[in-house]
Amino acid sequence: MKRSVKCPHCGEKIEIWDNPKPVVDIIIEIGGGIILIKRKNPPYGWAIPGGFVDYGESIETAALREAKEETGLDLTDLRQFHVYSDPTRDARVHTISTVFTARGWGTPQAADDAAEIGIFTRDTLPADLAFDHPKIISDYYAASKQ
């Protein structure tokens, strides 16, 4: 979508494009469950580790980086799972998420914008999941038949 803004320096009209922002989410399998982080920043709640793709970065590299930053874990067997693009999936900005699955190695530690970290099974998922993560997790369990 193209919109016009006023230049803060000269006052001229500038046209800019508002495009969806690419993000990654990583369903990390470890210890018979999946890793979720409790967010330090709004929107609050438990979430699949992930974040924005940096300019010049591949989505695979972003997934590995975000997983390491938020959980301290190294990943193996990284695989694309699905893309989620509902414009309302993140109230802050329109995002398109490429969701990955992977196996985690190491000791999970909350870091970066994660206040807490936990390993959850289908039966122990927290009620306060952020974004569209209830749907993503439901799709994951339906696809994995776990």
N, C-alpha and C. Protein backbone atom coordinates (compact mmCIF):
# COMPACT_ATOMS: atom_id res chain seq x y z
N MET A 1 0.84 -1.15 0.00
CA MET A 1 0.00 0.00 0.00
C MET A 1 0.90 1.24 0.00
N LYS A 2 0.57 2.16 -0.85
CA LYS A 2 1.35 3.39 -0.93
C LYS A 2 0.62 4.48 -0.15
N ARG A 3 1.40 5.25 0.60
CA ARG A 3 0.81 6.37 1.33
C ARG A 3 1.75 7.56 1.27
N SER A 4 1.22 8.72 1.55
CA SER A 4 2.02 9.94 1.53
C SER A 4 2.25 10.43 2.95
N VAL A 5 3.47 10.90 3.18
CA VAL A 5 3.82 11.53 4.45
C VAL A 5 4.52 12.84 4.15
N LYS A 6 4.57 13.68 5.15
CA LYS A 6 5.23 14.97 5.00
C LYS A 6 6.65 14.86 5.52
N CYS A 7 7.62 15.29 4.74
CA CYS A 7 9.02 15.28 5.16
C CYS A 7 9.17 16.19 6.39
N PRO A 8 9.76 15.68 7.47
CA PRO A 8 9.90 16.50 8.68
C PRO A 8 10.91 17.64 8.52
N HIS A 9 11.73 17.58 7.49
CA HIS A 9 12.76 18.61 7.30
C HIS A 9 12.32 19.70 6.34
N CYS A 10 11.76 19.31 5.19
CA CYS A 10 11.42 20.30 4.17
C CYS A 10 9.93 20.49 3.97
N GLY A 11 9.10 19.59 4.54
CA GLY A 11 7.66 19.71 4.41
C GLY A 11 7.09 19.17 3.12
N GLU A 12 7.95 18.69 2.22
CA GLU A 12 7.46 18.14 0.94
C GLU A 12 6.74 16.83 1.17
N LYS A 13 5.82 16.52 0.27
CA LYS A 13 5.09 15.26 0.31
C LYS A 13 5.99 14.15 -0.23
N ILE A 14 6.08 13.04 0.53
CA ILE A 14 6.89 11.89 0.13
C ILE A 14 5.97 10.68 0.08
N GLU A 15 6.06 9.92 -0.99
CA GLU A 15 5.28 8.68 -1.08
C GLU A 15 6.14 7.52 -0.61
N ILE A 16 5.57 6.71 0.28
CA ILE A 16 6.28 5.53 0.77
C ILE A 16 5.37 4.31 0.64
N TRP A 17 5.98 3.17 0.57
CA TRP A 17 5.25 1.91 0.49
C TRP A 17 5.23 1.26 1.86
N ASP A 18 4.05 0.88 2.30
CA ASP A 18 3.90 0.08 3.51
C ASP A 18 3.74 -1.36 3.08
N ASN A 19 4.74 -2.16 3.32
CA ASN A 19 4.70 -3.58 2.99
C ASN A 19 4.70 -4.40 4.26
N PRO A 20 4.13 -5.60 4.20
CA PRO A 20 4.22 -6.48 5.37
C PRO A 20 5.68 -6.74 5.73
N LYS A 21 5.91 -6.94 7.01
CA LYS A 21 7.26 -7.21 7.52
C LYS A 21 7.48 -8.72 7.62
N PRO A 22 8.60 -9.22 7.10
CA PRO A 22 8.87 -10.65 7.23
C PRO A 22 9.38 -11.00 8.63
N VAL A 23 8.80 -12.04 9.18
CA VAL A 23 9.23 -12.55 10.48
C VAL A 23 9.37 -14.07 10.39
N VAL A 24 10.06 -14.63 11.38
CA VAL A 24 10.18 -16.08 11.51
C VAL A 24 9.72 -16.49 12.89
N ASP A 25 9.16 -17.67 12.98
CA ASP A 25 8.82 -18.31 14.24
C ASP A 25 9.38 -19.72 14.16
N ILE A 26 9.91 -20.23 15.27
CA ILE A 26 10.56 -21.53 15.26
C ILE A 26 9.96 -22.41 16.35
N ILE A 27 9.33 -23.50 15.93
CA ILE A 27 8.84 -24.50 16.87
C ILE A 27 10.03 -25.40 17.17
N ILE A 28 10.58 -25.23 18.37
CA ILE A 28 11.79 -25.96 18.76
C ILE A 28 11.38 -27.16 19.60
N GLU A 29 11.68 -28.35 19.09
CA GLU A 29 11.38 -29.60 19.79
C GLU A 29 12.56 -29.96 20.68
N ILE A 30 12.26 -30.22 21.95
CA ILE A 30 13.30 -30.61 22.90
C ILE A 30 12.65 -31.30 24.09
N GLY A 31 13.29 -32.32 24.60
CA GLY A 31 12.82 -32.97 25.82
C GLY A 31 11.38 -33.44 25.80
N GLY A 32 10.89 -33.89 24.65
CA GLY A 32 9.52 -34.37 24.55
C GLY A 32 8.46 -33.30 24.46
N GLY A 33 8.87 -32.05 24.29
CA GLY A 33 7.92 -30.94 24.17
C GLY A 33 8.44 -29.89 23.21
N ILE A 34 7.84 -28.72 23.29
CA ILE A 34 8.29 -27.58 22.47
C ILE A 34 8.60 -26.40 23.39
N ILE A 35 9.53 -25.58 22.94
CA ILE A 35 9.96 -24.40 23.70
C ILE A 35 8.99 -23.25 23.45
N LEU A 36 8.58 -22.60 24.52
CA LEU A 36 7.86 -21.33 24.43
C LEU A 36 8.57 -20.33 25.33
N ILE A 37 8.50 -19.06 24.94
CA ILE A 37 9.08 -18.00 25.76
C ILE A 37 7.96 -17.09 26.26
N LYS A 38 8.13 -16.56 27.46
CA LYS A 38 7.20 -15.55 27.97
C LYS A 38 7.78 -14.19 27.61
N ARG A 39 7.02 -13.40 26.88
CA ARG A 39 7.50 -12.14 26.34
C ARG A 39 7.69 -11.07 27.42
N LYS A 40 8.83 -10.33 27.32
CA LYS A 40 9.10 -9.20 28.21
C LYS A 40 8.33 -7.96 27.77
N ASN A 41 8.06 -7.88 26.47
CA ASN A 41 7.48 -6.68 25.87
C ASN A 41 6.11 -6.97 25.27
N PRO A 42 5.28 -5.92 25.14
CA PRO A 42 3.97 -6.13 24.52
C PRO A 42 4.12 -6.59 23.06
N PRO A 43 3.22 -7.39 22.60
CA PRO A 43 2.13 -8.01 23.35
C PRO A 43 2.65 -9.12 24.25
N TYR A 44 2.17 -9.11 25.50
CA TYR A 44 2.63 -10.06 26.50
C TYR A 44 2.00 -11.43 26.27
N GLY A 45 2.55 -12.41 26.93
CA GLY A 45 2.05 -13.77 26.86
C GLY A 45 3.17 -14.71 26.46
N TRP A 46 2.82 -15.97 26.34
CA TRP A 46 3.77 -16.99 25.91
C TRP A 46 3.76 -17.04 24.39
N ALA A 47 4.93 -17.29 23.81
CA ALA A 47 5.05 -17.25 22.35
C ALA A 47 6.08 -18.26 21.86
N ILE A 48 5.92 -18.63 20.62
CA ILE A 48 6.93 -19.41 19.92
C ILE A 48 8.12 -18.48 19.72
N PRO A 49 9.36 -18.92 19.95
CA PRO A 49 10.50 -18.04 19.70
C PRO A 49 10.51 -17.56 18.25
N GLY A 50 10.92 -16.32 18.06
CA GLY A 50 10.99 -15.78 16.71
C GLY A 50 11.16 -14.28 16.71
N GLY A 51 11.12 -13.70 15.52
CA GLY A 51 11.26 -12.26 15.41
C GLY A 51 11.43 -11.81 13.97
N PHE A 52 11.76 -10.55 13.83
CA PHE A 52 11.87 -9.92 12.52
C PHE A 52 13.13 -10.37 11.79
N VAL A 53 13.01 -10.51 10.47
CA VAL A 53 14.14 -10.82 9.61
C VAL A 53 14.89 -9.51 9.35
N ASP A 54 16.19 -9.51 9.57
CA ASP A 54 17.01 -8.32 9.32
C ASP A 54 17.24 -8.14 7.83
N TYR A 55 17.44 -6.88 7.42
CA TYR A 55 17.74 -6.59 6.02
C TYR A 55 19.03 -7.33 5.63
N GLY A 56 18.99 -8.01 4.48
CA GLY A 56 20.16 -8.74 4.00
C GLY A 56 20.32 -10.13 4.59
N GLU A 57 19.34 -10.56 5.37
CA GLU A 57 19.42 -11.85 6.06
C GLU A 57 18.41 -12.82 5.45
N SER A 58 18.81 -14.07 5.28
CA SER A 58 17.86 -15.08 4.81
C SER A 58 16.93 -15.46 5.95
N ILE A 59 15.78 -16.03 5.62
CA ILE A 59 14.87 -16.43 6.68
C ILE A 59 15.44 -17.58 7.51
N GLU A 60 16.22 -18.44 6.88
CA GLU A 60 16.85 -19.53 7.62
C GLU A 60 17.86 -19.00 8.64
N THR A 61 18.66 -18.04 8.21
CA THR A 61 19.63 -17.42 9.12
C THR A 61 18.92 -16.68 10.25
N ALA A 62 17.82 -16.00 9.91
CA ALA A 62 17.04 -15.29 10.92
C ALA A 62 16.48 -16.27 11.95
N ALA A 63 16.01 -17.42 11.50
CA ALA A 63 15.47 -18.43 12.42
C ALA A 63 16.54 -18.93 13.38
N LEU A 64 17.72 -19.23 12.86
CA LEU A 64 18.82 -19.69 13.72
C LEU A 64 19.23 -18.60 14.70
N ARG A 65 19.31 -17.36 14.23
CA ARG A 65 19.71 -16.24 15.08
C ARG A 65 18.68 -15.99 16.18
N GLU A 66 17.41 -15.90 15.80
CA GLU A 66 16.36 -15.62 16.79
C GLU A 66 16.28 -16.73 17.84
N ALA A 67 16.39 -17.98 17.41
CA ALA A 67 16.37 -19.09 18.36
C ALA A 67 17.51 -18.97 19.36
N LYS A 68 18.70 -18.69 18.87
CA LYS A 68 19.87 -18.57 19.75
C LYS A 68 19.71 -17.37 20.69
N GLU A 69 19.26 -16.22 20.15
CA GLU A 69 19.12 -15.01 20.97
C GLU A 69 18.10 -15.20 22.10
N GLU A 70 16.98 -15.83 21.80
CA GLU A 70 15.89 -15.91 22.78
C GLU A 70 15.96 -17.13 23.69
N THR A 71 16.60 -18.21 23.22
CA THR A 71 16.56 -19.46 23.99
C THR A 71 17.94 -19.99 24.38
N GLY A 72 19.00 -19.50 23.73
CA GLY A 72 20.33 -20.02 23.97
C GLY A 72 20.60 -21.35 23.30
N LEU A 73 19.62 -21.85 22.54
CA LEU A 73 19.75 -23.18 21.94
C LEU A 73 20.33 -23.12 20.53
N ASP A 74 21.08 -24.15 20.18
CA ASP A 74 21.48 -24.38 18.80
C ASP A 74 20.43 -25.28 18.19
N LEU A 75 20.24 -25.16 16.88
CA LEU A 75 19.20 -25.93 16.19
C LEU A 75 19.80 -26.89 15.19
N THR A 76 19.13 -28.02 15.03
CA THR A 76 19.43 -28.95 13.95
C THR A 76 18.10 -29.28 13.27
N ASP A 77 18.19 -29.83 12.08
CA ASP A 77 17.02 -30.30 11.34
C ASP A 77 16.00 -29.19 11.12
N LEU A 78 16.48 -27.99 10.78
CA LEU A 78 15.59 -26.84 10.52
C LEU A 78 14.80 -27.09 9.24
N ARG A 79 13.47 -27.01 9.36
CA ARG A 79 12.60 -27.25 8.20
C ARG A 79 11.47 -26.24 8.18
N GLN A 80 11.15 -25.75 6.99
CA GLN A 80 10.00 -24.86 6.86
C GLN A 80 8.73 -25.65 7.12
N PHE A 81 7.85 -25.07 7.92
CA PHE A 81 6.59 -25.72 8.26
C PHE A 81 5.43 -25.11 7.47
N HIS A 82 5.22 -23.80 7.62
CA HIS A 82 4.06 -23.15 7.00
C HIS A 82 4.28 -21.63 7.04
N VAL A 83 3.54 -20.92 6.23
CA VAL A 83 3.57 -19.46 6.23
C VAL A 83 2.22 -18.96 6.74
N TYR A 84 2.26 -17.99 7.64
CA TYR A 84 1.06 -17.38 8.20
C TYR A 84 1.07 -15.89 7.87
N SER A 85 -0.01 -15.42 7.25
CA SER A 85 0.02 -14.05 6.72
C SER A 85 -1.23 -13.23 7.03
N ASP A 86 -2.08 -13.68 7.93
CA ASP A 86 -3.27 -12.90 8.27
C ASP A 86 -2.82 -11.50 8.70
N PRO A 87 -3.34 -10.46 8.06
CA PRO A 87 -2.91 -9.09 8.41
C PRO A 87 -3.13 -8.72 9.87
N THR A 88 -3.98 -9.47 10.58
CA THR A 88 -4.25 -9.15 11.99
C THR A 88 -3.47 -10.03 12.95
N ARG A 89 -2.53 -10.83 12.45
CA ARG A 89 -1.82 -11.78 13.33
C ARG A 89 -0.96 -11.06 14.37
N ASP A 90 -0.53 -9.85 14.09
CA ASP A 90 0.25 -9.04 15.03
C ASP A 90 -0.37 -7.65 15.03
N ALA A 91 -0.91 -7.22 16.16
CA ALA A 91 -1.60 -5.93 16.25
C ALA A 91 -0.68 -4.74 16.00
N ARG A 92 0.63 -4.94 16.12
CA ARG A 92 1.56 -3.81 15.96
C ARG A 92 1.79 -3.45 14.51
N VAL A 93 1.87 -4.47 13.64
CA VAL A 93 2.21 -4.24 12.24
C VAL A 93 1.84 -5.50 11.45
N HIS A 94 1.55 -5.33 10.17
CA HIS A 94 1.24 -6.49 9.32
C HIS A 94 2.53 -7.28 9.10
N THR A 95 2.52 -8.54 9.53
CA THR A 95 3.69 -9.41 9.36
C THR A 95 3.31 -10.64 8.56
N ILE A 96 4.31 -11.21 7.92
CA ILE A 96 4.18 -12.51 7.26
C ILE A 96 5.23 -13.40 7.90
N SER A 97 4.78 -14.45 8.56
CA SER A 97 5.71 -15.32 9.28
C SER A 97 5.94 -16.62 8.54
N THR A 98 7.21 -16.93 8.33
CA THR A 98 7.60 -18.25 7.89
C THR A 98 7.92 -19.03 9.17
N VAL A 99 7.16 -20.08 9.39
CA VAL A 99 7.33 -20.88 10.60
C VAL A 99 8.18 -22.10 10.27
N PHE A 100 9.14 -22.35 11.13
CA PHE A 100 10.04 -23.49 10.99
C PHE A 100 9.82 -24.45 12.15
N THR A 101 10.24 -25.69 11.94
CA THR A 101 10.39 -26.65 13.04
C THR A 101 11.87 -27.01 13.09
N ALA A 102 12.34 -27.36 14.26
CA ALA A 102 13.74 -27.74 14.43
C ALA A 102 13.89 -28.50 15.74
N ARG A 103 15.01 -29.14 15.89
CA ARG A 103 15.37 -29.78 17.16
C ARG A 103 16.36 -28.85 17.86
N GLY A 104 16.16 -28.68 19.18
CA GLY A 104 17.03 -27.82 19.95
C GLY A 104 18.06 -28.61 20.72
N TRP A 105 19.26 -28.04 20.83
CA TRP A 105 20.37 -28.66 21.56
C TRP A 105 20.95 -27.65 22.52
N GLY A 106 21.16 -28.10 23.74
CA GLY A 106 21.72 -27.23 24.77
C GLY A 106 20.75 -27.11 25.93
N THR A 107 21.02 -26.14 26.78
CA THR A 107 20.16 -25.88 27.93
C THR A 107 19.35 -24.62 27.66
N PRO A 108 18.02 -24.72 27.62
CA PRO A 108 17.20 -23.53 27.35
C PRO A 108 17.39 -22.46 28.43
N GLN A 109 17.63 -21.24 27.96
CA GLN A 109 17.78 -20.10 28.87
C GLN A 109 17.08 -18.90 28.26
N ALA A 110 16.20 -18.27 29.03
CA ALA A 110 15.51 -17.07 28.56
C ALA A 110 16.52 -15.94 28.38
N ALA A 111 16.49 -15.31 27.22
CA ALA A 111 17.40 -14.21 26.93
C ALA A 111 16.72 -13.24 25.96
N ASP A 112 17.40 -12.15 25.65
CA ASP A 112 16.91 -11.13 24.72
C ASP A 112 15.56 -10.61 25.22
N ASP A 113 14.48 -10.77 24.44
CA ASP A 113 13.18 -10.26 24.90
C ASP A 113 12.31 -11.34 25.54
N ALA A 114 12.94 -12.42 26.00
CA ALA A 114 12.23 -13.49 26.70
C ALA A 114 12.42 -13.33 28.21
N ALA A 115 11.32 -13.19 28.94
CA ALA A 115 11.39 -13.08 30.40
C ALA A 115 11.52 -14.45 31.06
N GLU A 116 10.86 -15.45 30.47
CA GLU A 116 10.89 -16.83 30.98
C GLU A 116 10.93 -17.77 29.79
N ILE A 117 11.27 -19.01 30.06
CA ILE A 117 11.28 -20.03 29.03
C ILE A 117 10.75 -21.33 29.63
N GLY A 118 10.08 -22.11 28.80
CA GLY A 118 9.57 -23.38 29.30
C GLY A 118 9.43 -24.39 28.18
N ILE A 119 9.37 -25.65 28.58
CA ILE A 119 9.12 -26.74 27.64
C ILE A 119 7.70 -27.21 27.91
N PHE A 120 6.87 -27.23 26.87
CA PHE A 120 5.46 -27.55 27.00
C PHE A 120 5.08 -28.69 26.06
N THR A 121 4.12 -29.49 26.50
CA THR A 121 3.53 -30.51 25.65
C THR A 121 2.15 -30.01 25.23
N ARG A 122 1.53 -30.77 24.35
CA ARG A 122 0.17 -30.41 23.91
C ARG A 122 -0.76 -30.24 25.11
N ASP A 123 -0.56 -31.05 26.14
CA ASP A 123 -1.45 -31.03 27.31
C ASP A 123 -1.08 -29.98 28.36
N THR A 124 0.08 -29.36 28.25
CA THR A 124 0.51 -28.40 29.27
C THR A 124 0.68 -26.98 28.72
N LEU A 125 0.15 -26.71 27.53
CA LEU A 125 0.31 -25.38 26.94
C LEU A 125 -0.32 -24.31 27.82
N PRO A 126 0.34 -23.15 27.94
CA PRO A 126 -0.25 -22.07 28.73
C PRO A 126 -1.46 -21.47 28.00
N ALA A 127 -2.37 -20.90 28.75
CA ALA A 127 -3.59 -20.33 28.16
C ALA A 127 -3.33 -19.00 27.46
N ASP A 128 -2.33 -18.26 27.92
CA ASP A 128 -2.11 -16.91 27.39
C ASP A 128 -1.05 -16.90 26.28
N LEU A 129 -1.37 -17.54 25.17
CA LEU A 129 -0.46 -17.54 24.01
C LEU A 129 -0.66 -16.26 23.21
N ALA A 130 0.44 -15.67 22.76
CA ALA A 130 0.41 -14.40 22.02
C ALA A 130 0.20 -14.64 20.52
N PHE A 131 -0.13 -13.55 19.84
CA PHE A 131 -0.27 -13.54 18.38
C PHE A 131 -1.26 -14.61 17.91
N ASP A 132 -0.95 -15.24 16.79
CA ASP A 132 -1.76 -16.35 16.28
C ASP A 132 -1.12 -17.69 16.64
N HIS A 133 -0.33 -17.70 17.68
CA HIS A 133 0.41 -18.91 18.05
C HIS A 133 -0.48 -20.08 18.48
N PRO A 134 -1.69 -19.85 19.03
CA PRO A 134 -2.55 -21.02 19.27
C PRO A 134 -2.85 -21.78 17.97
N LYS A 135 -3.11 -21.06 16.90
CA LYS A 135 -3.38 -21.70 15.60
C LYS A 135 -2.14 -22.40 15.07
N ILE A 136 -1.00 -21.74 15.14
CA ILE A 136 0.24 -22.35 14.64
C ILE A 136 0.54 -23.65 15.39
N ILE A 137 0.43 -23.60 16.71
CA ILE A 137 0.72 -24.79 17.52
C ILE A 137 -0.29 -25.90 17.24
N SER A 138 -1.56 -25.53 17.09
CA SER A 138 -2.58 -26.52 16.75
C SER A 138 -2.28 -27.17 15.40
N ASP A 139 -1.90 -26.36 14.42
CA ASP A 139 -1.53 -26.89 13.10
C ASP A 139 -0.32 -27.82 13.20
N TYR A 140 0.64 -27.43 14.02
CA TYR A 140 1.84 -28.25 14.21
C TYR A 140 1.48 -29.62 14.77
N TYR A 141 0.67 -29.63 15.84
CA TYR A 141 0.30 -30.91 16.44
C TYR A 141 -0.57 -31.75 15.49
N ALA A 142 -1.44 -31.10 14.72
CA ALA A 142 -2.25 -31.84 13.74
C ALA A 142 -1.37 -32.48 12.67
N ALA A 143 -0.34 -31.75 12.23
CA ALA A 143 0.55 -32.26 11.19
C ALA A 143 1.49 -33.34 11.71
N SER A 144 1.89 -33.21 12.99
CA SER A 144 2.86 -34.18 13.53
C SER A 144 2.20 -35.38 14.15
N LYS A 145 0.89 -35.32 14.34
CA LYS A 145 0.11 -36.43 14.93
C LYS A 145 0.62 -36.79 16.32
N GLN A 146 1.20 -35.83 17.04
CA GLN A 146 1.71 -36.09 18.39
C GLN A 146 0.60 -35.98 19.42
